[in-house]
């Protein structure tokens, strides 16, 4: 299990990745760099990891 600091750092990294995907969603699709399904799958995986990290942080804080 990661330390609380490590978990928080990973969450910040995930937030940055989610912001990137959200901000450039239309541009990525327009340039055909990824399909909508691929992009949504990547976002879904990041959200799953974010939820898991949130649960681990709650456990460490209690």
PDB file of N, CA and C in Angstrom:
ATOM      1  N   UNK A   1       0.848  -1.181   0.000  1.00  0.00           N
ATOM      2  CA  UNK A   1       0.000   0.000   0.000  1.00  0.00           C
ATOM      3  C   UNK A   1       0.890   1.240   0.000  1.00  0.00           C
ATOM      4  N   UNK A   2       0.453   2.261  -0.702  1.00  0.00           N
ATOM      5  CA  UNK A   2       1.214   3.503  -0.798  1.00  0.00           C
ATOM      6  C   UNK A   2       1.012   4.339   0.465  1.00  0.00           C
ATOM      7  N   UNK A   3       1.928   5.270   0.671  1.00  0.00           N
ATOM      8  CA  UNK A   3       1.776   6.205   1.782  1.00  0.00           C
ATOM      9  C   UNK A   3       0.684   7.209   1.442  1.00  0.00           C
ATOM     10  N   UNK A   4       0.224   7.931   2.450  1.00  0.00           N
ATOM     11  CA  UNK A   4      -0.795   8.952   2.233  1.00  0.00           C
ATOM     12  C   UNK A   4      -0.303   9.992   1.240  1.00  0.00           C
ATOM     13  N   UNK A   5       0.950  10.396   1.373  1.00  0.00           N
ATOM     14  CA  UNK A   5       1.521  11.383   0.453  1.00  0.00           C
ATOM     15  C   UNK A   5       1.575  10.839  -0.972  1.00  0.00           C
ATOM     16  N   UNK A   6       1.948   9.576  -1.105  1.00  0.00           N
ATOM     17  CA  UNK A   6       2.002   8.945  -2.419  1.00  0.00           C
ATOM     18  C   UNK A   6       0.628   8.848  -3.063  1.00  0.00           C
ATOM     19  N   UNK A   7      -0.378   8.512  -2.251  1.00  0.00           N
ATOM     20  CA  UNK A   7      -1.745   8.429  -2.764  1.00  0.00           C
ATOM     21  C   UNK A   7      -2.237   9.796  -3.221  1.00  0.00           C
ATOM     22  N   UNK A   8      -1.958  10.811  -2.417  1.00  0.00           N
ATOM     23  CA  UNK A   8      -2.392  12.163  -2.784  1.00  0.00           C
ATOM     24  C   UNK A   8      -1.690  12.628  -4.057  1.00  0.00           C
ATOM     25  N   UNK A   9      -0.417  12.312  -4.198  1.00  0.00           N
ATOM     26  CA  UNK A   9       0.323  12.693  -5.406  1.00  0.00           C
ATOM     27  C   UNK A   9      -0.262  11.997  -6.631  1.00  0.00           C
ATOM     28  N   UNK A  10      -0.599  10.729  -6.495  1.00  0.00           N
ATOM     29  CA  UNK A  10      -1.191   9.988  -7.618  1.00  0.00           C
ATOM     30  C   UNK A  10      -2.554  10.567  -7.974  1.00  0.00           C
ATOM     31  N   UNK A  11      -3.343  10.957  -6.969  1.00  0.00           N
ATOM     32  CA  UNK A  11      -4.643  11.557  -7.239  1.00  0.00           C
ATOM     33  C   UNK A  11      -4.478  12.868  -8.001  1.00  0.00           C
ATOM     34  N   UNK A  12      -3.497  13.672  -7.620  1.00  0.00           N
ATOM     35  CA  UNK A  12      -3.239  14.927  -8.331  1.00  0.00           C
ATOM     36  C   UNK A  12      -2.856  14.652  -9.784  1.00  0.00           C
ATOM     37  N   UNK A  13      -2.067  13.607  -9.990  1.00  0.00           N
ATOM     38  CA  UNK A  13      -1.683  13.223 -11.347  1.00  0.00           C
ATOM     39  C   UNK A  13      -2.908  12.807 -12.160  1.00  0.00           C
ATOM     40  N   UNK A  14      -3.787  12.026 -11.545  1.00  0.00           N
ATOM     41  CA  UNK A  14      -5.011  11.598 -12.230  1.00  0.00           C
ATOM     42  C   UNK A  14      -5.905  12.788 -12.557  1.00  0.00           C
ATOM     43  N   UNK A  15      -6.014  13.728 -11.631  1.00  0.00           N
ATOM     44  CA  UNK A  15      -6.819  14.924 -11.882  1.00  0.00           C
ATOM     45  C   UNK A  15      -6.269  15.671 -13.087  1.00  0.00           C
ATOM     46  N   UNK A  16      -4.963  15.794 -13.164  1.00  0.00           N
ATOM     47  CA  UNK A  16      -4.343  16.450 -14.315  1.00  0.00           C
ATOM     48  C   UNK A  16      -4.656  15.734 -15.612  1.00  0.00           C
ATOM     49  N   UNK A  17      -4.604  14.406 -15.588  1.00  0.00           N
ATOM     50  CA  UNK A  17      -4.916  13.635 -16.789  1.00  0.00           C
ATOM     51  C   UNK A  17      -6.377  13.801 -17.185  1.00  0.00           C
ATOM     52  N   UNK A  18      -7.266  13.805 -16.195  1.00  0.00           N
ATOM     53  CA  UNK A  18      -8.686  13.993 -16.486  1.00  0.00           C
ATOM     54  C   UNK A  18      -8.950  15.379 -17.058  1.00  0.00           C
ATOM     55  N   UNK A  19      -8.281  16.383 -16.512  1.00  0.00           N
ATOM     56  CA  UNK A  19      -8.431  17.740 -17.039  1.00  0.00           C
ATOM     57  C   UNK A  19      -7.957  17.805 -18.485  1.00  0.00           C
ATOM     58  N   UNK A  20      -6.847  17.140 -18.782  1.00  0.00           N
ATOM     59  CA  UNK A  20      -6.334  17.111 -20.152  1.00  0.00           C
ATOM     60  C   UNK A  20      -7.361  16.492 -21.089  1.00  0.00           C
ATOM     61  N   UNK A  21      -7.874  15.322 -20.715  1.00  0.00           N
ATOM     62  CA  UNK A  21      -8.839  14.638 -21.576  1.00  0.00           C
ATOM     63  C   UNK A  21     -10.101  15.471 -21.761  1.00  0.00           C
ATOM     64  N   UNK A  22     -10.549  16.115 -20.713  1.00  0.00           N
ATOM     65  CA  UNK A  22     -11.756  16.944 -20.819  1.00  0.00           C
ATOM     66  C   UNK A  22     -11.522  18.146 -21.719  1.00  0.00           C
ATOM     67  N   UNK A  23     -10.391  18.814 -21.532  1.00  0.00           N
ATOM     68  CA  UNK A  23     -10.095  20.044 -22.264  1.00  0.00           C
ATOM     69  C   UNK A  23      -9.915  19.793 -23.750  1.00  0.00           C
ATOM     70  N   UNK A  24      -9.276  18.685 -24.098  1.00  0.00           N
ATOM     71  CA  UNK A  24      -8.940  18.431 -25.493  1.00  0.00           C
ATOM     72  C   UNK A  24      -9.796  17.343 -26.143  1.00  0.00           C
ATOM     73  N   UNK A  25     -10.918  17.018 -25.529  1.00  0.00           N
ATOM     74  CA  UNK A  25     -11.791  15.952 -26.026  1.00  0.00           C
ATOM     75  C   UNK A  25     -12.162  16.169 -27.493  1.00  0.00           C
ATOM     76  N   UNK A  26     -12.690  17.335 -27.813  1.00  0.00           N
ATOM     77  CA  UNK A  26     -13.125  17.612 -29.191  1.00  0.00           C
ATOM     78  C   UNK A  26     -11.953  17.618 -30.164  1.00  0.00           C
ATOM     79  N   UNK A  27     -10.845  18.214 -29.738  1.00  0.00           N
ATOM     80  CA  UNK A  27      -9.685  18.308 -30.616  1.00  0.00           C
ATOM     81  C   UNK A  27      -9.118  16.919 -30.924  1.00  0.00           C
ATOM     82  N   UNK A  28      -9.049  16.073 -29.923  1.00  0.00           N
ATOM     83  CA  UNK A  28      -8.524  14.720 -30.121  1.00  0.00           C
ATOM     84  C   UNK A  28      -9.407  13.953 -31.096  1.00  0.00           C
ATOM     85  N   UNK A  29     -10.720  14.072 -30.918  1.00  0.00           N
ATOM     86  CA  UNK A  29     -11.638  13.381 -31.828  1.00  0.00           C
ATOM     87  C   UNK A  29     -11.549  13.949 -33.236  1.00  0.00           C
ATOM     88  N   UNK A  30     -11.438  15.262 -33.344  1.00  0.00           N
ATOM     89  CA  UNK A  30     -11.362  15.902 -34.660  1.00  0.00           C
ATOM     90  C   UNK A  30     -10.110  15.469 -35.412  1.00  0.00           C
ATOM     91  N   UNK A  31      -9.013  15.300 -34.695  1.00  0.00           N
ATOM     92  CA  UNK A  31      -7.763  14.882 -35.323  1.00  0.00           C
ATOM     93  C   UNK A  31      -7.678  13.372 -35.497  1.00  0.00           C
ATOM     94  N   UNK A  32      -8.731  12.673 -35.075  1.00  0.00           N
ATOM     95  CA  UNK A  32      -8.806  11.217 -35.185  1.00  0.00           C
ATOM     96  C   UNK A  32      -7.629  10.527 -34.506  1.00  0.00           C
ATOM     97  N   UNK A  33      -7.168  11.133 -33.409  1.00  0.00           N
ATOM     98  CA  UNK A  33      -6.082  10.522 -32.643  1.00  0.00           C
ATOM     99  C   UNK A  33      -6.606   9.370 -31.792  1.00  0.00           C
ATOM    100  N   UNK A  34      -7.878   9.432 -31.474  1.00  0.00           N
ATOM    101  CA  UNK A  34      -8.504   8.376 -30.684  1.00  0.00           C
ATOM    102  C   UNK A  34      -9.996   8.388 -30.982  1.00  0.00           C
ATOM    103  N   UNK A  35     -10.605   7.242 -30.854  1.00  0.00           N
ATOM    104  CA  UNK A  35     -12.053   7.200 -31.013  1.00  0.00           C
ATOM    105  C   UNK A  35     -12.695   7.645 -29.707  1.00  0.00           C
ATOM    106  N   UNK A  36     -13.941   8.001 -29.788  1.00  0.00           N
ATOM    107  CA  UNK A  36     -14.664   8.405 -28.581  1.00  0.00           C
ATOM    108  C   UNK A  36     -14.667   7.273 -27.559  1.00  0.00           C
ATOM    109  N   UNK A  37     -14.864   6.046 -28.016  1.00  0.00           N
ATOM    110  CA  UNK A  37     -14.894   4.899 -27.107  1.00  0.00           C
ATOM    111  C   UNK A  37     -13.556   4.726 -26.395  1.00  0.00           C
ATOM    112  N   UNK A  38     -12.447   4.882 -27.119  1.00  0.00           N
ATOM    113  CA  UNK A  38     -11.119   4.752 -26.506  1.00  0.00           C
ATOM    114  C   UNK A  38     -10.895   5.834 -25.460  1.00  0.00           C
ATOM    115  N   UNK A  39     -11.304   7.044 -25.788  1.00  0.00           N
ATOM    116  CA  UNK A  39     -11.124   8.154 -24.865  1.00  0.00           C
ATOM    117  C   UNK A  39     -11.978   7.965 -23.618  1.00  0.00           C
ATOM    118  N   UNK A  40     -13.225   7.561 -23.798  1.00  0.00           N
ATOM    119  CA  UNK A  40     -14.101   7.328 -22.650  1.00  0.00           C
ATOM    120  C   UNK A  40     -13.602   6.171 -21.796  1.00  0.00           C
ATOM    121  N   UNK A  41     -13.045   5.156 -22.426  1.00  0.00           N
ATOM    122  CA  UNK A  41     -12.490   4.029 -21.672  1.00  0.00           C
ATOM    123  C   UNK A  41     -11.310   4.484 -20.819  1.00  0.00           C
ATOM    124  N   UNK A  42     -10.448   5.318 -21.378  1.00  0.00           N
ATOM    125  CA  UNK A  42      -9.305   5.834 -20.620  1.00  0.00           C
ATOM    126  C   UNK A  42      -9.772   6.674 -19.437  1.00  0.00           C
ATOM    127  N   UNK A  43     -10.777   7.507 -19.663  1.00  0.00           N
ATOM    128  CA  UNK A  43     -11.316   8.330 -18.578  1.00  0.00           C
ATOM    129  C   UNK A  43     -11.951   7.446 -17.515  1.00  0.00           C
ATOM    130  N   UNK A  44     -12.684   6.421 -17.930  1.00  0.00           N
ATOM    131  CA  UNK A  44     -13.319   5.495 -16.992  1.00  0.00           C
ATOM    132  C   UNK A  44     -12.281   4.790 -16.127  1.00  0.00           C
ATOM    133  N   UNK A  45     -11.190   4.356 -16.733  1.00  0.00           N
ATOM    134  CA  UNK A  45     -10.121   3.696 -15.978  1.00  0.00           C
ATOM    135  C   UNK A  45      -9.502   4.650 -14.963  1.00  0.00           C
ATOM    136  N   UNK A  46      -9.302   5.908 -15.360  1.00  0.00           N
ATOM    137  CA  UNK A  46      -8.738   6.887 -14.431  1.00  0.00           C
ATOM    138  C   UNK A  46      -9.693   7.158 -13.273  1.00  0.00           C
ATOM    139  N   UNK A  47     -10.985   7.232 -13.567  1.00  0.00           N
ATOM    140  CA  UNK A  47     -11.962   7.459 -12.504  1.00  0.00           C
ATOM    141  C   UNK A  47     -12.002   6.278 -11.541  1.00  0.00           C
ATOM    142  N   UNK A  48     -11.919   5.059 -12.069  1.00  0.00           N
ATOM    143  CA  UNK A  48     -11.867   3.876 -11.208  1.00  0.00           C
ATOM    144  C   UNK A  48     -10.669   3.943 -10.273  1.00  0.00           C
ATOM    145  N   UNK A  49      -9.508   4.307 -10.815  1.00  0.00           N
ATOM    146  CA  UNK A  49      -8.313   4.414  -9.987  1.00  0.00           C
ATOM    147  C   UNK A  49      -8.468   5.538  -8.968  1.00  0.00           C
ATOM    148  N   UNK A  50      -9.072   6.647  -9.369  1.00  0.00           N
ATOM    149  CA  UNK A  50      -9.297   7.775  -8.472  1.00  0.00           C
ATOM    150  C   UNK A  50     -10.164   7.342  -7.289  1.00  0.00           C
ATOM    151  N   UNK A  51     -11.225   6.595  -7.558  1.00  0.00           N
ATOM    152  CA  UNK A  51     -12.111   6.102  -6.500  1.00  0.00           C
ATOM    153  C   UNK A  51     -11.353   5.173  -5.568  1.00  0.00           C
ATOM    154  N   UNK A  52     -10.559   4.276  -6.129  1.00  0.00           N
ATOM    155  CA  UNK A  52      -9.769   3.347  -5.318  1.00  0.00           C
ATOM    156  C   UNK A  52      -8.786   4.104  -4.426  1.00  0.00           C
ATOM    157  N   UNK A  53      -8.121   5.108  -4.980  1.00  0.00           N
ATOM    158  CA  UNK A  53      -7.187   5.902  -4.190  1.00  0.00           C
ATOM    159  C   UNK A  53      -7.911   6.672  -3.094  1.00  0.00           C
ATOM    160  N   UNK A  54      -9.090   7.179  -3.380  1.00  0.00           N
ATOM    161  CA  UNK A  54      -9.879   7.894  -2.375  1.00  0.00           C
ATOM    162  C   UNK A  54     -10.203   6.982  -1.200  1.00  0.00           C
ATOM    163  N   UNK A  55     -10.578   5.750  -1.505  1.00  0.00           N
ATOM    164  CA  UNK A  55     -10.890   4.779  -0.456  1.00  0.00           C
ATOM    165  C   UNK A  55      -9.654   4.463   0.378  1.00  0.00           C
ATOM    166  N   UNK A  56      -8.500   4.326  -0.263  1.00  0.00           N
ATOM    167  CA  UNK A  56      -7.266   4.054   0.466  1.00  0.00           C
ATOM    168  C   UNK A  56      -6.894   5.225   1.367  1.00  0.00           C
ATOM    169  N   UNK A  57      -7.094   6.445   0.884  1.00  0.00           N
ATOM    170  CA  UNK A  57      -6.790   7.631   1.689  1.00  0.00           C
ATOM    171  C   UNK A  57      -7.695   7.672   2.913  1.00  0.00           C
ATOM    172  N   UNK A  58      -8.982   7.372   2.731  1.00  0.00           N
ATOM    173  CA  UNK A  58      -9.915   7.354   3.865  1.00  0.00           C
ATOM    174  C   UNK A  58      -9.466   6.345   4.912  1.00  0.00           C
ATOM    175  N   UNK A  59      -9.019   5.173   4.469  1.00  0.00           N
ATOM    176  CA  UNK A  59      -8.550   4.143   5.398  1.00  0.00           C
ATOM    177  C   UNK A  59      -7.323   4.616   6.159  1.00  0.00           C
ATOM    178  N   UNK A  60      -6.394   5.267   5.464  1.00  0.00           N
ATOM    179  CA  UNK A  60      -5.179   5.742   6.121  1.00  0.00           C
ATOM    180  C   UNK A  60      -5.461   6.873   7.100  1.00  0.00           C
ATOM    181  N   UNK A  61      -6.461   7.688   6.809  1.00  0.00           N
ATOM    182  CA  UNK A  61      -6.770   8.818   7.673  1.00  0.00           C
ATOM    183  C   UNK A  61      -7.556   8.403   8.907  1.00  0.00           C
ATOM    184  N   UNK A  62      -8.177   7.230   8.891  1.00  0.00           N
ATOM    185  CA  UNK A  62      -8.967   6.798  10.050  1.00  0.00           C
ATOM    186  C   UNK A  62      -8.166   5.971  11.023  1.00  0.00           C
TER     187      UNK A  62
END
